[in-house]
PDB file of all heavy atoms in Angstrom:
ATOM      1  N   ILE A   1     -98.737 -10.675  19.831  1.00  0.00           N
ATOM      2  CA  ILE A   1     -99.649 -11.743  20.029  1.00  0.00           C
ATOM      3  C   ILE A   1     -99.592 -12.672  18.989  1.00  0.00           C
ATOM      4  O   ILE A   1     -99.375 -12.285  17.876  1.00  0.00           O
ATOM      5  CB  ILE A   1    -101.118 -11.231  20.317  1.00  0.00           C
ATOM      6  CG1 ILE A   1    -101.654 -10.645  19.023  1.00  0.00           C
ATOM      7  CG2 ILE A   1    -101.244 -10.362  21.461  1.00  0.00           C
ATOM      8  CD1 ILE A   1    -103.153 -10.497  19.032  1.00  0.00           C
ATOM      9  N   ALA A   2     -99.616 -13.876  19.194  1.00  0.00           N
ATOM     10  CA  ALA A   2     -99.760 -14.989  18.238  1.00  0.00           C
ATOM     11  C   ALA A   2    -101.163 -15.487  18.164  1.00  0.00           C
ATOM     12  O   ALA A   2    -101.704 -15.974  19.038  1.00  0.00           O
ATOM     13  CB  ALA A   2     -98.798 -16.098  18.669  1.00  0.00           C
ATOM     14  N   SER A   3    -101.716 -15.362  16.922  1.00  0.00           N
ATOM     15  CA  SER A   3    -103.119 -15.800  16.681  1.00  0.00           C
ATOM     16  C   SER A   3    -103.077 -17.127  15.967  1.00  0.00           C
ATOM     17  O   SER A   3    -102.338 -17.311  14.939  1.00  0.00           O
ATOM     18  CB  SER A   3    -103.892 -14.704  15.952  1.00  0.00           C
ATOM     19  OG  SER A   3    -103.377 -14.577  14.610  1.00  0.00           O
ATOM     20  N   VAL A   4    -104.006 -17.964  16.413  1.00  0.00           N
ATOM     21  CA  VAL A   4    -104.184 -19.251  15.633  1.00  0.00           C
ATOM     22  C   VAL A   4    -105.751 -19.495  15.664  1.00  0.00           C
ATOM     23  O   VAL A   4    -106.382 -18.918  16.474  1.00  0.00           O
ATOM     24  CB  VAL A   4    -103.480 -20.375  16.290  1.00  0.00           C
ATOM     25  CG1 VAL A   4    -101.947 -20.191  16.253  1.00  0.00           C
ATOM     26  CG2 VAL A   4    -103.930 -20.809  17.651  1.00  0.00           C
ATOM     27  N   THR A   5    -106.189 -20.425  14.942  1.00  0.00           N
ATOM     28  CA  THR A   5    -107.519 -20.819  14.774  1.00  0.00           C
ATOM     29  C   THR A   5    -107.714 -22.059  15.784  1.00  0.00           C
ATOM     30  O   THR A   5    -106.871 -22.756  16.070  1.00  0.00           O
ATOM     31  CB  THR A   5    -108.067 -21.210  13.466  1.00  0.00           C
ATOM     32  OG1 THR A   5    -107.277 -22.189  12.912  1.00  0.00           O
ATOM     33  CG2 THR A   5    -107.908 -19.946  12.603  1.00  0.00           C
ATOM     34  N   GLY A   6    -108.977 -22.206  16.283  1.00  0.00           N
ATOM     35  CA  GLY A   6    -109.270 -23.281  17.269  1.00  0.00           C
ATOM     36  C   GLY A   6    -109.522 -24.653  16.585  1.00  0.00           C
ATOM     37  O   GLY A   6    -109.997 -25.587  17.276  1.00  0.00           O
ATOM     38  N   ASP A   7    -109.352 -24.742  15.218  1.00  0.00           N
ATOM     39  CA  ASP A   7    -109.619 -25.962  14.563  1.00  0.00           C
ATOM     40  C   ASP A   7    -108.353 -26.536  13.799  1.00  0.00           C
ATOM     41  O   ASP A   7    -108.539 -27.139  12.783  1.00  0.00           O
ATOM     42  CB  ASP A   7    -110.673 -25.795  13.567  1.00  0.00           C
ATOM     43  CG  ASP A   7    -110.422 -24.606  12.530  1.00  0.00           C
ATOM     44  OD1 ASP A   7    -109.356 -24.061  12.595  1.00  0.00           O
ATOM     45  OD2 ASP A   7    -111.254 -24.330  11.651  1.00  0.00           O
ATOM     46  N   ALA A   8    -107.170 -26.147  14.260  1.00  0.00           N
ATOM     47  CA  ALA A   8    -105.877 -26.491  13.579  1.00  0.00           C
ATOM     48  C   ALA A   8    -105.138 -27.443  14.535  1.00  0.00           C
ATOM     49  O   ALA A   8    -104.227 -26.903  15.190  1.00  0.00           O
ATOM     50  CB  ALA A   8    -105.086 -25.331  13.156  1.00  0.00           C
ATOM     51  N   PRO A   9    -105.337 -28.711  14.512  1.00  0.00           N
ATOM     52  CA  PRO A   9    -104.689 -29.604  15.476  1.00  0.00           C
ATOM     53  C   PRO A   9    -103.234 -29.953  15.223  1.00  0.00           C
ATOM     54  O   PRO A   9    -102.614 -30.594  16.072  1.00  0.00           O
ATOM     55  CB  PRO A   9    -105.545 -30.766  15.452  1.00  0.00           C
ATOM     56  CG  PRO A   9    -106.018 -30.903  14.026  1.00  0.00           C
ATOM     57  CD  PRO A   9    -106.299 -29.443  13.605  1.00  0.00           C
ATOM     58  N   PHE A  10    -102.662 -29.384  14.088  1.00  0.00           N
ATOM     59  CA  PHE A  10    -101.197 -29.797  13.839  1.00  0.00           C
ATOM     60  C   PHE A  10    -100.254 -28.615  13.779  1.00  0.00           C
ATOM     61  O   PHE A  10     -99.238 -28.687  13.112  1.00  0.00           O
ATOM     62  CB  PHE A  10    -101.211 -30.543  12.472  1.00  0.00           C
ATOM     63  CG  PHE A  10    -102.090 -31.787  12.391  1.00  0.00           C
ATOM     64  CD1 PHE A  10    -103.226 -31.797  11.598  1.00  0.00           C
ATOM     65  CD2 PHE A  10    -101.748 -32.943  13.008  1.00  0.00           C
ATOM     66  CE1 PHE A  10    -104.034 -32.926  11.481  1.00  0.00           C
ATOM     67  CE2 PHE A  10    -102.563 -34.008  13.043  1.00  0.00           C
ATOM     68  CZ  PHE A  10    -103.655 -34.020  12.226  1.00  0.00           C
ATOM     69  N   LEU A  11    -100.632 -27.597  14.533  1.00  0.00           N
ATOM     70  CA  LEU A  11     -99.835 -26.447  14.461  1.00  0.00           C
ATOM     71  C   LEU A  11     -98.306 -26.692  14.720  1.00  0.00           C
ATOM     72  O   LEU A  11     -98.064 -27.563  15.655  1.00  0.00           O
ATOM     73  CB  LEU A  11    -100.245 -25.444  15.672  1.00  0.00           C
ATOM     74  CG  LEU A  11    -101.575 -24.715  15.210  1.00  0.00           C
ATOM     75  CD1 LEU A  11    -101.940 -24.016  16.551  1.00  0.00           C
ATOM     76  CD2 LEU A  11    -101.455 -23.807  14.200  1.00  0.00           C
ATOM     77  N   PRO A  12     -97.447 -26.093  14.014  1.00  0.00           N
ATOM     78  CA  PRO A  12     -96.003 -26.292  14.195  1.00  0.00           C
ATOM     79  C   PRO A  12     -95.513 -25.926  15.577  1.00  0.00           C
ATOM     80  O   PRO A  12     -95.913 -24.815  16.038  1.00  0.00           O
ATOM     81  CB  PRO A  12     -95.261 -25.575  13.144  1.00  0.00           C
ATOM     82  CG  PRO A  12     -96.287 -24.605  12.627  1.00  0.00           C
ATOM     83  CD  PRO A  12     -97.617 -25.104  12.853  1.00  0.00           C
ATOM     84  N   LEU A  13     -94.562 -26.659  16.159  1.00  0.00           N
ATOM     85  CA  LEU A  13     -94.036 -26.279  17.469  1.00  0.00           C
ATOM     86  C   LEU A  13     -93.111 -25.124  17.428  1.00  0.00           C
ATOM     87  O   LEU A  13     -92.607 -24.600  18.479  1.00  0.00           O
ATOM     88  CB  LEU A  13     -93.431 -27.456  18.177  1.00  0.00           C
ATOM     89  CG  LEU A  13     -94.386 -28.667  18.421  1.00  0.00           C
ATOM     90  CD1 LEU A  13     -93.676 -29.943  18.991  1.00  0.00           C
ATOM     91  CD2 LEU A  13     -95.628 -28.229  19.266  1.00  0.00           C
ATOM     92  N   ASP A  14     -92.684 -24.713  16.245  1.00  0.00           N
ATOM     93  CA  ASP A  14     -91.747 -23.586  16.055  1.00  0.00           C
ATOM     94  C   ASP A  14     -92.534 -22.393  15.437  1.00  0.00           C
ATOM     95  O   ASP A  14     -91.862 -21.541  14.826  1.00  0.00           O
ATOM     96  CB  ASP A  14     -90.484 -23.955  15.175  1.00  0.00           C
ATOM     97  CG  ASP A  14     -90.925 -24.411  13.779  1.00  0.00           C
ATOM     98  OD1 ASP A  14     -92.082 -24.607  13.598  1.00  0.00           O
ATOM     99  OD2 ASP A  14     -90.022 -24.631  12.977  1.00  0.00           O
ATOM    100  N   LEU A  15     -93.748 -22.418  15.594  1.00  0.00           N
ATOM    101  CA  LEU A  15     -94.579 -21.351  14.908  1.00  0.00           C
ATOM    102  C   LEU A  15     -94.139 -19.942  15.404  1.00  0.00           C
ATOM    103  O   LEU A  15     -93.775 -18.934  14.641  1.00  0.00           O
ATOM    104  CB  LEU A  15     -96.057 -21.500  15.222  1.00  0.00           C
ATOM    105  CG  LEU A  15     -96.969 -20.475  14.724  1.00  0.00           C
ATOM    106  CD1 LEU A  15     -97.126 -20.504  13.169  1.00  0.00           C
ATOM    107  CD2 LEU A  15     -98.432 -20.584  15.269  1.00  0.00           C
ATOM    108  N   VAL A  16     -94.255 -19.672  16.656  1.00  0.00           N
ATOM    109  CA  VAL A  16     -93.870 -18.373  17.229  1.00  0.00           C
ATOM    110  C   VAL A  16     -92.420 -17.947  16.970  1.00  0.00           C
ATOM    111  O   VAL A  16     -92.130 -16.858  16.687  1.00  0.00           O
ATOM    112  CB  VAL A  16     -94.205 -18.275  18.706  1.00  0.00           C
ATOM    113  CG1 VAL A  16     -93.789 -16.925  19.289  1.00  0.00           C
ATOM    114  CG2 VAL A  16     -95.753 -18.434  18.899  1.00  0.00           C
ATOM    115  N   ALA A  17     -91.574 -19.012  17.104  1.00  0.00           N
ATOM    116  CA  ALA A  17     -90.117 -18.654  16.977  1.00  0.00           C
ATOM    117  C   ALA A  17     -89.867 -18.219  15.559  1.00  0.00           C
ATOM    118  O   ALA A  17     -89.136 -17.178  15.190  1.00  0.00           O
ATOM    119  CB  ALA A  17     -89.235 -19.841  17.290  1.00  0.00           C
ATOM    120  N   ARG A  18     -90.435 -18.968  14.565  1.00  0.00           N
ATOM    121  CA  ARG A  18     -90.040 -18.544  13.148  1.00  0.00           C
ATOM    122  C   ARG A  18     -90.903 -17.246  12.709  1.00  0.00           C
ATOM    123  O   ARG A  18     -90.261 -16.521  11.914  1.00  0.00           O
ATOM    124  CB  ARG A  18     -90.541 -19.771  12.248  1.00  0.00           C
ATOM    125  CG  ARG A  18     -89.536 -20.889  12.334  1.00  0.00           C
ATOM    126  CD  ARG A  18     -89.728 -22.008  11.159  1.00  0.00           C
ATOM    127  NE  ARG A  18     -89.582 -21.277  10.035  1.00  0.00           N
ATOM    128  CZ  ARG A  18     -89.973 -21.792   8.770  1.00  0.00           C
ATOM    129  NH1 ARG A  18     -90.789 -22.790   8.726  1.00  0.00           N
ATOM    130  NH2 ARG A  18     -89.724 -21.082   7.611  1.00  0.00           N
ATOM    131  N   LEU A  19     -91.974 -17.116  13.097  1.00  0.00           N
ATOM    132  CA  LEU A  19     -92.671 -15.852  12.765  1.00  0.00           C
ATOM    133  C   LEU A  19     -92.042 -14.739  13.499  1.00  0.00           C
ATOM    134  O   LEU A  19     -91.976 -13.630  12.793  1.00  0.00           O
ATOM    135  CB  LEU A  19     -94.214 -16.010  13.275  1.00  0.00           C
ATOM    136  CG  LEU A  19     -95.093 -16.986  12.507  1.00  0.00           C
ATOM    137  CD1 LEU A  19     -96.527 -16.829  13.042  1.00  0.00           C
ATOM    138  CD2 LEU A  19     -95.104 -16.704  11.021  1.00  0.00           C
ATOM    139  N   GLY A  20     -91.687 -14.848  14.689  1.00  0.00           N
ATOM    140  CA  GLY A  20     -90.901 -13.832  15.315  1.00  0.00           C
ATOM    141  C   GLY A  20     -89.597 -13.397  14.722  1.00  0.00           C
ATOM    142  O   GLY A  20     -89.354 -12.223  14.563  1.00  0.00           O
ATOM    143  N   ALA A  21     -88.786 -14.373  14.208  1.00  0.00           N
ATOM    144  CA  ALA A  21     -87.547 -14.191  13.433  1.00  0.00           C
ATOM    145  C   ALA A  21     -87.878 -13.387  12.222  1.00  0.00           C
ATOM    146  O   ALA A  21     -87.209 -12.477  11.761  1.00  0.00           O
ATOM    147  CB  ALA A  21     -86.855 -15.325  13.285  1.00  0.00           C
ATOM    148  N   ALA A  22     -88.924 -13.811  11.562  1.00  0.00           N
ATOM    149  CA  ALA A  22     -89.225 -13.128  10.256  1.00  0.00           C
ATOM    150  C   ALA A  22     -89.801 -11.640  10.396  1.00  0.00           C
ATOM    151  O   ALA A  22     -89.410 -10.744   9.633  1.00  0.00           O
ATOM    152  CB  ALA A  22     -90.320 -13.987   9.400  1.00  0.00           C
ATOM    153  N   ARG A  23     -90.548 -11.441  11.514  1.00  0.00           N
ATOM    154  CA  ARG A  23     -90.957 -10.115  11.796  1.00  0.00           C
ATOM    155  C   ARG A  23     -89.786  -9.226  12.129  1.00  0.00           C
ATOM    156  O   ARG A  23     -89.826  -8.044  11.636  1.00  0.00           O
ATOM    157  CB  ARG A  23     -91.919 -10.215  12.969  1.00  0.00           C
ATOM    158  CG  ARG A  23     -92.926  -9.074  13.049  1.00  0.00           C
ATOM    159  CD  ARG A  23     -93.983  -9.216  14.052  1.00  0.00           C
ATOM    160  NE  ARG A  23     -93.661  -9.098  15.356  1.00  0.00           N
ATOM    161  CZ  ARG A  23     -93.483  -7.776  15.921  1.00  0.00           C
ATOM    162  NH1 ARG A  23     -93.535  -6.783  15.253  1.00  0.00           N
ATOM    163  NH2 ARG A  23     -93.183  -7.825  17.186  1.00  0.00           N
ATOM    164  N   ARG A  24     -88.861  -9.672  12.932  1.00  0.00           N
ATOM    165  CA  ARG A  24     -87.813  -8.953  13.253  1.00  0.00           C
ATOM    166  C   ARG A  24     -86.762  -8.637  12.081  1.00  0.00           C
ATOM    167  O   ARG A  24     -86.442  -7.470  11.786  1.00  0.00           O
ATOM    168  CB  ARG A  24     -86.908  -9.562  14.340  1.00  0.00           C
ATOM    169  CG  ARG A  24     -87.677  -9.625  15.663  1.00  0.00           C
ATOM    170  CD  ARG A  24     -86.619 -10.000  16.776  1.00  0.00           C
ATOM    171  NE  ARG A  24     -86.164 -11.262  16.636  1.00  0.00           N
ATOM    172  CZ  ARG A  24     -86.762 -12.474  17.014  1.00  0.00           C
ATOM    173  NH1 ARG A  24     -87.955 -12.360  17.606  1.00  0.00           N
ATOM    174  NH2 ARG A  24     -86.288 -13.719  16.823  1.00  0.00           N
ATOM    175  N   ALA A  25     -86.618  -9.645  11.276  1.00  0.00           N
ATOM    176  CA  ALA A  25     -85.760  -9.530  10.058  1.00  0.00           C
ATOM    177  C   ALA A  25     -86.391  -8.597   9.095  1.00  0.00           C
ATOM    178  O   ALA A  25     -85.561  -7.864   8.509  1.00  0.00           O
ATOM    179  CB  ALA A  25     -85.466 -10.791   9.501  1.00  0.00           C
ATOM    180  N   GLY A  26     -87.703  -8.568   8.970  1.00  0.00           N
ATOM    181  CA  GLY A  26     -88.306  -7.753   7.905  1.00  0.00           C
ATOM    182  C   GLY A  26     -88.715  -6.445   8.430  1.00  0.00           C
ATOM    183  O   GLY A  26     -89.194  -5.565   7.560  1.00  0.00           O
ATOM    184  N   GLY A  27     -88.544  -6.081   9.726  1.00  0.00           N
ATOM    185  CA  GLY A  27     -88.891  -4.928  10.364  1.00  0.00           C
ATOM    186  C   GLY A  27     -90.432  -4.585  10.078  1.00  0.00           C
ATOM    187  O   GLY A  27     -90.808  -3.507  10.002  1.00  0.00           O
ATOM    188  N   ALA A  28     -91.283  -5.697  10.165  1.00  0.00           N
ATOM    189  CA  ALA A  28     -92.712  -5.559   9.825  1.00  0.00           C
ATOM    190  C   ALA A  28     -93.514  -5.788  11.169  1.00  0.00           C
ATOM    191  O   ALA A  28     -93.007  -6.496  12.067  1.00  0.00           O
ATOM    192  CB  ALA A  28     -93.208  -6.659   8.820  1.00  0.00           C
ATOM    193  N   PRO A  29     -94.712  -5.185  11.370  1.00  0.00           N
ATOM    194  CA  PRO A  29     -95.435  -5.391  12.441  1.00  0.00           C
ATOM    195  C   PRO A  29     -96.162  -6.727  12.391  1.00  0.00           C
ATOM    196  O   PRO A  29     -96.698  -7.191  13.559  1.00  0.00           O
ATOM    197  CB  PRO A  29     -96.411  -4.191  12.472  1.00  0.00           C
ATOM    198  CG  PRO A  29     -96.641  -3.992  11.091  1.00  0.00           C
ATOM    199  CD  PRO A  29     -95.238  -4.267  10.392  1.00  0.00           C
ATOM    200  N   ILE A  30     -96.261  -7.397  11.359  1.00  0.00           N
ATOM    201  CA  ILE A  30     -96.929  -8.733  11.287  1.00  0.00           C
ATOM    202  C   ILE A  30     -96.183  -9.711  10.380  1.00  0.00           C
ATOM    203  O   ILE A  30     -95.599  -9.375   9.467  1.00  0.00           O
ATOM    204  CB  ILE A  30     -98.401  -8.478  10.598  1.00  0.00           C
ATOM    205  CG1 ILE A  30     -99.117  -7.349  11.280  1.00  0.00           C
ATOM    206  CG2 ILE A  30     -99.165  -9.759  10.533  1.00  0.00           C
ATOM    207  CD1 ILE A  30    -100.419  -6.903  10.462  1.00  0.00           C
ATOM    208  N   ALA A  31     -96.235 -10.973  10.958  1.00  0.00           N
ATOM    209  CA  ALA A  31     -95.658 -12.063  10.125  1.00  0.00           C
ATOM    210  C   ALA A  31     -96.680 -13.168  10.144  1.00  0.00           C
ATOM    211  O   ALA A  31     -97.455 -13.322  11.192  1.00  0.00           O
ATOM    212  CB  ALA A  31     -94.371 -12.660  10.627  1.00  0.00           C
ATOM    213  N   MET A  32     -96.982 -13.746   9.025  1.00  0.00           N
ATOM    214  CA  MET A  32     -98.028 -14.731   8.875  1.00  0.00           C
ATOM    215  C   MET A  32     -97.551 -16.130   8.365  1.00  0.00           C
ATOM    216  O   MET A  32     -96.567 -16.134   7.616  1.00  0.00           O
ATOM    217  CB  MET A  32     -99.056 -14.233   8.044  1.00  0.00           C
ATOM    218  CG  MET A  32     -98.754 -13.975   6.671  1.00  0.00           C
ATOM    219  SD  MET A  32    -100.052 -13.209   5.619  1.00  0.00           S
ATOM    220  CE  MET A  32     -99.224 -12.666   4.132  1.00  0.00           C
ATOM    221  N   ALA A  33     -98.204 -17.139   8.679  1.00  0.00           N
ATOM    222  CA  ALA A  33     -97.947 -18.451   8.255  1.00  0.00           C
ATOM    223  C   ALA A  33     -98.334 -18.658   6.812  1.00  0.00           C
ATOM    224  O   ALA A  33     -99.341 -18.059   6.355  1.00  0.00           O
ATOM    225  CB  ALA A  33     -98.422 -19.530   9.200  1.00  0.00           C
ATOM    226  N   ALA A  34     -97.711 -19.579   6.206  1.00  0.00           N
ATOM    227  CA  ALA A  34     -98.055 -20.018   4.816  1.00  0.00           C
ATOM    228  C   ALA A  34     -97.599 -21.564   4.631  1.00  0.00           C
ATOM    229  O   ALA A  34     -96.691 -21.965   5.274  1.00  0.00           O
ATOM    230  CB  ALA A  34     -97.320 -19.122   3.635  1.00  0.00           C
ATOM    231  N   SER A  35     -98.369 -22.226   3.781  1.00  0.00           N
ATOM    232  CA  SER A  35     -98.005 -23.604   3.354  1.00  0.00           C
ATOM    233  C   SER A  35     -98.762 -24.031   2.164  1.00  0.00           C
ATOM    234  O   SER A  35     -99.832 -23.480   1.883  1.00  0.00           O
ATOM    235  CB  SER A  35     -98.501 -24.542   4.520  1.00  0.00           C
ATOM    236  OG  SER A  35     -99.861 -24.518   4.602  1.00  0.00           O
ATOM    237  N   GLY A  36     -98.104 -24.871   1.368  1.00  0.00           N
ATOM    238  CA  GLY A  36     -98.729 -25.249   0.167  1.00  0.00           C
ATOM    239  C   GLY A  36     -99.189 -24.318  -0.831  1.00  0.00           C
ATOM    240  O   GLY A  36    -100.241 -24.359  -1.546  1.00  0.00           O
ATOM    241  N   GLY A  37     -98.458 -23.159  -0.811  1.00  0.00           N
ATOM    242  CA  GLY A  37     -98.867 -22.057  -1.789  1.00  0.00           C
ATOM    243  C   GLY A  37     -99.943 -21.077  -1.274  1.00  0.00           C
ATOM    244  O   GLY A  37    -100.337 -20.223  -1.985  1.00  0.00           O
ATOM    245  N   ARG A  38    -100.301 -21.363  -0.058  1.00  0.00           N
ATOM    246  CA  ARG A  38    -101.365 -20.527   0.649  1.00  0.00           C
ATOM    247  C   ARG A  38    -101.011 -19.684   1.765  1.00  0.00           C
ATOM    248  O   ARG A  38    -100.157 -20.307   2.627  1.00  0.00           O
ATOM    249  CB  ARG A  38    -102.615 -21.464   0.981  1.00  0.00           C
ATOM    250  CG  ARG A  38    -103.343 -22.084  -0.170  1.00  0.00           C
ATOM    251  CD  ARG A  38    -104.451 -22.982   0.403  1.00  0.00           C
ATOM    252  NE  ARG A  38    -105.393 -22.151   1.320  1.00  0.00           N
ATOM    253  CZ  ARG A  38    -105.788 -22.564   2.469  1.00  0.00           C
ATOM    254  NH1 ARG A  38    -105.087 -23.612   2.988  1.00  0.00           N
ATOM    255  NH2 ARG A  38    -106.592 -21.740   3.122  1.00  0.00           N
ATOM    256  N   GLU A  39    -101.406 -18.617   1.911  1.00  0.00           N
ATOM    257  CA  GLU A  39    -101.071 -17.719   3.194  1.00  0.00           C
ATOM    258  C   GLU A  39    -102.269 -17.880   4.066  1.00  0.00           C
ATOM    259  O   GLU A  39    -103.492 -17.955   3.773  1.00  0.00           O
ATOM    260  CB  GLU A  39    -100.900 -16.261   2.856  1.00  0.00           C
ATOM    261  CG  GLU A  39     -99.708 -16.096   1.917  1.00  0.00           C
ATOM    262  CD  GLU A  39     -99.574 -14.621   1.451  1.00  0.00           C
ATOM    263  OE1 GLU A  39    -100.478 -13.831   1.494  1.00  0.00           O
ATOM    264  OE2 GLU A  39     -98.485 -14.178   1.182  1.00  0.00           O
ATOM    265  N   HIS A  40    -102.028 -18.070   5.392  1.00  0.00           N
ATOM    266  CA  HIS A  40    -102.994 -18.253   6.419  1.00  0.00           C
ATOM    267  C   HIS A  40    -103.065 -17.003   7.175  1.00  0.00           C
ATOM    268  O   HIS A  40    -102.434 -16.778   8.255  1.00  0.00           O
ATOM    269  CB  HIS A  40    -102.539 -19.491   7.208  1.00  0.00           C
ATOM    270  CG  HIS A  40    -102.313 -20.779   6.450  1.00  0.00           C
ATOM    271  ND1 HIS A  40    -103.259 -21.438   5.824  1.00  0.00           N
ATOM    272  CD2 HIS A  40    -101.192 -21.360   6.150  1.00  0.00           C
ATOM    273  CE1 HIS A  40    -102.844 -22.505   5.169  1.00  0.00           C
ATOM    274  NE2 HIS A  40    -101.489 -22.413   5.319  1.00  0.00           N
ATOM    275  N   PHE A  41    -104.050 -16.226   6.953  1.00  0.00           N
ATOM    276  CA  PHE A  41    -104.077 -14.818   7.378  1.00  0.00           C
ATOM    277  C   PHE A  41    -104.254 -14.852   8.949  1.00  0.00           C
ATOM    278  O   PHE A  41    -103.662 -13.907   9.571  1.00  0.00           O
ATOM    279  CB  PHE A  41    -105.224 -14.043   6.781  1.00  0.00           C
ATOM    280  CG  PHE A  41    -105.048 -13.853   5.336  1.00  0.00           C
ATOM    281  CD1 PHE A  41    -106.175 -13.617   4.475  1.00  0.00           C
ATOM    282  CD2 PHE A  41    -103.867 -13.873   4.662  1.00  0.00           C
ATOM    283  CE1 PHE A  41    -106.043 -13.393   3.114  1.00  0.00           C
ATOM    284  CE2 PHE A  41    -103.701 -13.586   3.322  1.00  0.00           C
ATOM    285  CZ  PHE A  41    -104.766 -13.388   2.532  1.00  0.00           C
ATOM    286  N   THR A  42    -104.957 -15.685   9.492  1.00  0.00           N
ATOM    287  CA  THR A  42    -105.236 -15.672  10.985  1.00  0.00           C
ATOM    288  C   THR A  42    -104.371 -16.377  11.830  1.00  0.00           C
ATOM    289  O   THR A  42    -104.507 -16.475  12.999  1.00  0.00           O
ATOM    290  CB  THR A  42    -106.730 -16.079  11.178  1.00  0.00           C
ATOM    291  OG1 THR A  42    -106.873 -17.417  10.615  1.00  0.00           O
ATOM    292  CG2 THR A  42    -107.656 -15.104  10.648  1.00  0.00           C
ATOM    293  N   THR A  43    -103.238 -17.091  11.106  1.00  0.00           N
ATOM    294  CA  THR A  43    -102.206 -17.694  11.969  1.00  0.00           C
ATOM    295  C   THR A  43    -100.969 -16.722  11.703  1.00  0.00           C
ATOM    296  O   THR A  43    -100.328 -16.831  10.778  1.00  0.00           O
ATOM    297  CB  THR A  43    -101.941 -19.113  11.357  1.00  0.00           C
ATOM    298  OG1 THR A  43    -103.152 -19.841  11.456  1.00  0.00           O
ATOM    299  CG2 THR A  43    -100.876 -19.811  12.142  1.00  0.00           C
ATOM    300  N   ALA A  44    -100.898 -15.897  12.732  1.00  0.00           N
ATOM    301  CA  ALA A  44     -99.857 -14.742  12.516  1.00  0.00           C
ATOM    302  C   ALA A  44     -99.410 -14.255  13.839  1.00  0.00           C
ATOM    303  O   ALA A  44     -99.961 -14.567  14.872  1.00  0.00           O
ATOM    304  CB  ALA A  44    -100.571 -13.669  11.611  1.00  0.00           C
ATOM    305  N   LEU A  45     -98.415 -13.379  13.689  1.00  0.00           N
ATOM    306  CA  LEU A  45     -97.873 -12.718  14.882  1.00  0.00           C
ATOM    307  C   LEU A  45     -98.063 -11.254  14.754  1.00  0.00           C
ATOM    308  O   LEU A  45     -97.656 -10.692  13.601  1.00  0.00           O
ATOM    309  CB  LEU A  45     -96.349 -13.028  14.931  1.00  0.00           C
ATOM    310  CG  LEU A  45     -95.634 -12.989  16.347  1.00  0.00           C
ATOM    311  CD1 LEU A  45     -96.316 -13.892  17.361  1.00  0.00           C
ATOM    312  CD2 LEU A  45     -94.235 -13.312  16.090  1.00  0.00           C
TER     313      LEU A  45
END
């Protein structure tokens, strides 16, 4: 599942693709978004 918040109107159009690739490459159950030196815990796969 891809989780996002309902107050983020500029979500990237490659969000799921990039998170999915990172999750597969890292062999991890979760991948999360980050920007500007911050991790966005609830924008994740």
